[in-house]
Each structure stands twice: as structure tokens, then as C-alpha cells.
Protein backbone atom coordinates (compact mmCIF):
# COMPACT_ATOMS: atom_id res chain seq x y z
CA UNK A 1 133.51 32.31 33.16
CA UNK A 2 131.68 31.07 36.32
CA UNK A 3 129.44 33.55 38.07
CA UNK A 4 130.44 34.62 41.59
CA UNK A 5 128.56 32.90 44.43
CA UNK A 6 126.76 34.58 47.12
CA UNK A 7 128.81 34.81 50.36
CA UNK A 8 126.11 33.05 52.29
CA UNK A 9 126.33 29.97 49.98
CA UNK A 10 128.95 27.39 50.93
CA UNK A 11 130.19 24.19 49.40
CA UNK A 12 129.17 21.79 52.17
CA UNK A 13 125.51 21.23 52.86
CA UNK A 14 125.98 20.77 56.64
CA UNK A 15 126.86 24.41 57.22
CA UNK A 16 123.66 25.48 55.58
CA UNK A 17 121.26 23.12 57.47
CA UNK A 18 122.52 21.93 60.93
CA UNK A 19 121.83 18.38 61.77
CA UNK A 20 118.87 17.83 64.02
CA UNK A 21 119.02 15.12 66.73
CA UNK A 22 117.05 12.07 65.97
CA UNK A 23 113.75 11.78 67.79
CA UNK A 24 115.05 8.91 70.03
CA UNK A 25 117.87 11.06 71.32
CA UNK A 26 117.20 13.35 74.31
CA UNK A 27 118.79 14.65 77.44
CA UNK A 28 118.63 11.89 79.98
CA UNK A 29 119.36 14.22 82.88
CA UNK A 30 116.41 16.51 82.03
CA UNK A 31 114.07 13.65 81.58
CA UNK A 32 115.00 12.11 84.90
CA UNK A 33 114.50 15.39 86.67
CA UNK A 34 111.04 15.92 85.18
CA UNK A 35 109.99 12.32 86.16
CA UNK A 36 111.11 12.80 89.75
CA UNK A 37 109.29 16.11 90.06
CA UNK A 38 106.04 14.59 88.68
CA UNK A 39 106.37 11.67 91.06
CA UNK A 40 106.76 14.03 94.02
CA UNK A 41 103.65 16.04 93.05
CA UNK A 42 101.61 12.92 92.55
CA UNK A 43 102.67 11.67 95.98
CA UNK A 44 101.77 14.96 97.70
CA UNK A 45 98.39 14.94 96.08
CA UNK A 46 97.72 11.29 97.18
CA UNK A 47 98.76 12.25 100.87
CA UNK A 48 96.47 15.31 100.84
CA UNK A 49 99.37 17.73 101.25
CA UNK A 50 98.86 19.25 97.86
CA UNK A 51 95.77 21.52 97.56
CA UNK A 52 95.05 23.45 94.49
CA UNK A 53 95.04 27.23 94.84
CA UNK A 54 91.50 28.59 94.93
CA UNK A 55 90.94 32.02 93.50
CA UNK A 56 89.15 34.35 95.86
CA UNK A 57 86.32 36.39 94.54
CA UNK A 58 86.40 39.97 95.12
CA UNK A 59 83.51 41.10 97.30
CA UNK A 60 80.70 42.79 95.50
CA UNK A 61 80.37 46.53 95.99
CA UNK A 62 76.83 47.63 96.26
CA UNK A 63 74.95 50.91 96.03
CA UNK A 64 76.80 54.13 95.12
CA UNK A 65 80.23 52.43 95.08
CA UNK A 66 79.61 50.75 91.73
CA UNK A 67 81.71 52.41 89.03
CA UNK A 68 80.20 53.38 85.82
CA UNK A 69 81.05 55.13 82.56
CA UNK A 70 79.76 58.41 84.00
CA UNK A 71 82.08 60.53 86.15
CA UNK A 72 81.61 60.46 89.88
CA UNK A 73 83.55 61.64 93.05
CA UNK A 74 85.94 58.71 92.85
CA UNK A 75 87.34 59.74 89.48
CA UNK A 76 90.40 62.05 89.31
CA UNK A 77 89.27 65.66 89.82
CA UNK A 78 90.68 69.00 88.69
CA UNK A 79 92.57 70.78 91.33
CA UNK A 80 90.37 73.93 91.06
CA UNK A 81 87.20 71.81 91.70
CA UNK A 82 88.75 70.14 94.67
CA UNK A 83 90.05 73.35 96.16
CA UNK A 84 86.67 75.01 95.55
CA UNK A 85 84.83 72.17 97.38
CA UNK A 86 87.32 72.35 100.27
CA UNK A 87 86.87 76.14 100.62
CA UNK A 88 83.09 75.76 100.51
CA UNK A 89 83.06 72.96 103.09
CA UNK A 90 85.38 74.88 105.53
CA UNK A 91 83.59 78.29 104.96
CA UNK A 92 86.77 79.92 103.57
CA UNK A 93 85.23 81.32 100.37
CA UNK A 94 84.70 84.89 101.58
CA UNK A 95 88.15 85.08 103.24
CA UNK A 96 89.94 83.82 100.20
CA UNK A 97 87.98 86.22 97.92
CA UNK A 98 88.84 89.19 100.21
CA UNK A 99 92.45 88.29 100.28
CA UNK A 100 92.32 88.03 96.49
CA UNK A 101 90.90 91.65 96.39
CA UNK A 102 93.65 92.82 98.65
CA UNK A 103 96.19 91.31 96.27
CA UNK A 104 94.45 93.11 93.32
CA UNK A 105 93.98 96.34 95.24
CA UNK A 106 95.73 98.57 92.61
CA UNK A 107 93.51 97.37 89.78
CA UNK A 108 90.33 97.96 91.79
CA UNK A 109 90.84 101.38 93.21
CA UNK A 110 93.44 102.63 90.66
CA UNK A 111 97.15 103.05 90.83
CA UNK A 112 97.27 106.57 92.31
CA UNK A 113 94.78 105.82 95.03
CA UNK A 114 96.60 102.52 95.73
CA UNK A 115 99.86 104.40 96.34
CA UNK A 116 98.26 106.40 99.19
CA UNK A 117 95.99 103.73 100.83
CA UNK A 118 96.25 100.08 101.58
CA UNK A 119 93.75 97.55 102.94
CA UNK A 120 94.60 96.36 106.45
CA UNK A 121 91.97 94.03 107.54
CA UNK A 122 88.44 92.57 106.91
CA UNK A 123 86.22 91.63 109.81
CA UNK A 124 82.42 91.42 110.09
CA UNK A 125 81.87 92.73 106.59
CA UNK A 126 83.88 95.89 107.31
CA UNK A 127 87.02 96.59 105.36
CA UNK A 128 89.68 98.74 107.20
CA UNK A 129 91.87 100.87 105.02
CA UNK A 130 94.92 102.85 106.11
CA UNK A 131 95.93 106.05 104.28
CA UNK A 132 99.27 107.74 103.97
CA UNK A 133 97.88 111.27 105.01
CA UNK A 134 94.80 112.91 106.54
CA UNK A 135 94.02 114.52 103.10
CA UNK A 136 93.81 111.06 101.54
CA UNK A 137 91.73 109.83 104.49
CA UNK A 138 89.26 112.57 103.76
CA UNK A 139 89.23 111.82 100.08
CA UNK A 140 88.72 108.15 100.64
CA UNK A 141 85.82 108.77 103.03
CA UNK A 142 84.11 110.65 100.28
CA UNK A 143 84.77 107.77 97.82
CA UNK A 144 83.72 105.01 100.34
CA UNK A 145 80.29 104.35 98.85
CA UNK A 146 81.76 103.89 95.38
CA UNK A 147 84.48 101.69 96.72
CA UNK A 148 81.88 99.46 98.53
CA UNK A 149 79.91 99.12 95.24
CA UNK A 150 83.19 98.08 93.43
CA UNK A 151 84.11 95.60 96.12
CA UNK A 152 80.74 94.05 96.16
CA UNK A 153 80.80 93.65 92.35
CA UNK A 154 84.17 91.76 92.68
CA UNK A 155 83.22 89.67 95.80
CA UNK A 156 79.53 89.25 95.70
CA UNK A 157 76.63 91.39 96.98
CA UNK A 158 76.70 92.12 100.72
CA UNK A 159 80.27 91.00 101.30
CA UNK A 160 81.52 94.47 102.22
CA UNK A 161 78.96 96.68 104.06
CA UNK A 162 81.23 99.55 105.10
CA UNK A 163 84.79 100.94 104.63
CA UNK A 164 86.61 102.10 107.78
CA UNK A 165 89.03 104.66 106.77
CA UNK A 166 91.96 105.44 109.10
CA UNK A 167 94.55 108.10 108.78
CA UNK A 168 98.31 107.67 109.12
CA UNK A 169 99.82 106.39 112.34
CA UNK A 170 100.56 109.37 114.53
CA UNK A 171 103.87 109.61 116.44
CA UNK A 172 103.77 108.73 120.04
CA UNK A 173 104.93 111.41 122.40
CA UNK A 174 104.89 109.07 125.42
CA UNK A 175 108.43 107.79 125.02
CA UNK A 176 111.77 109.41 124.79
CA UNK A 177 114.42 111.08 126.93
CA UNK A 178 112.45 114.44 127.60
CA UNK A 179 109.01 113.01 128.50
CA UNK A 180 107.14 114.41 131.50
CA UNK A 181 104.85 112.12 133.47
CA UNK A 182 101.36 113.41 133.23
CA UNK A 183 102.36 115.85 130.53
CA UNK A 184 100.27 116.59 127.48
CA UNK A 185 102.89 116.13 124.88
CA UNK A 186 104.28 118.91 122.60
CA UNK A 187 101.42 121.25 123.55
CA UNK A 188 102.64 121.40 127.13
CA UNK A 189 105.39 123.93 126.38
CA UNK A 190 103.12 126.42 124.66
CA UNK A 191 101.50 127.91 127.42
């Protein structure tokens, strides 16, 4: 019994190897087009209309602009380094550090103290703190030297020289339906 043939095999040899054109045969239209283009280019070169493209040299960079294998300021920088340089150049380092301390106020003074006093402002190395009651204002005035020491440990020595402790905002007796011009407030009725 004959063995089965592979499906890729066929009986006629022409299907296996396609016939190649003889070397004398070529596309007449393509050859004519190529000859006409070559003739035009030759004619332009003879008339001086065709100039070869000259490559421009890149100007040499001298001095500190020359790149090297070592990192320099032109290389991509980390964002923290760039922001640090910006803050240093603009003189914002202390302000940013103080605002960072104000954001971390409960961790610096403790959660109980932070409930009753909040930092309000920082000017001329003096931190102003507002308390919720006069009792806490008195307590914080006693703790002020320790607070200055903690803040300077966080911010750097000499950043905070004093803590200005202010009590709660007192109510104003100057407005309302029953005010008296020139009166002394609620004490005026007692005598």
C-alpha cells in the first residue's frame, strides 16, 4: 500500500517552485521612469541648480557646559533637592519649617496641651500661642522655656527666642442693643 503524501507536496513541480522571470525580462515602465529621473538630476547638477546638502556642525560648547559622566546641575534632579534649593535661595527655609511645626503641633506639645492651645503666628523669632482659657494661659506661660527648647530642637537653634501666650478672646461689650456711649461695660450697673 502506498504511504500517504504530505499535504504540502503536490504532483506538479510548478506549484512548488514558481517560475522566475528570465534576466532579460523587466518592467519597461519602471526602467523608463528611473532613466528619466537620473537624466533630470544629471541636468540639474550640470546647470548648477543641484547642490548637495551640507551637514552643519554643532557649535562646540566650552567650559562648564561640557557634559560628562559625573552628575551636574543639568541632569534630572530629585524634587526634594530642587525644592530645598528653591527654599534656600528665596529665604523660605525658616517659614516652611515653622509651618511644619504648626502642622505637627500635637506631637510636639502633647495631645492634651494641643486641645487647649494653638499656634497663631510667628514673627521676628517670637511664636504667638492662643489658649482656650486663662488657666491654660497661666500654665503655658510656666511651660514656655521648655516649649522654646523643644521648638529649637525641631527647627534649629535660635529660631524661636520667646513664646507669647495669649488668653482667650474676650467678648466685646461695645456692641449690642443696650450699649451706653461712654459706659464701662457690665461693671457700669454695679454701683
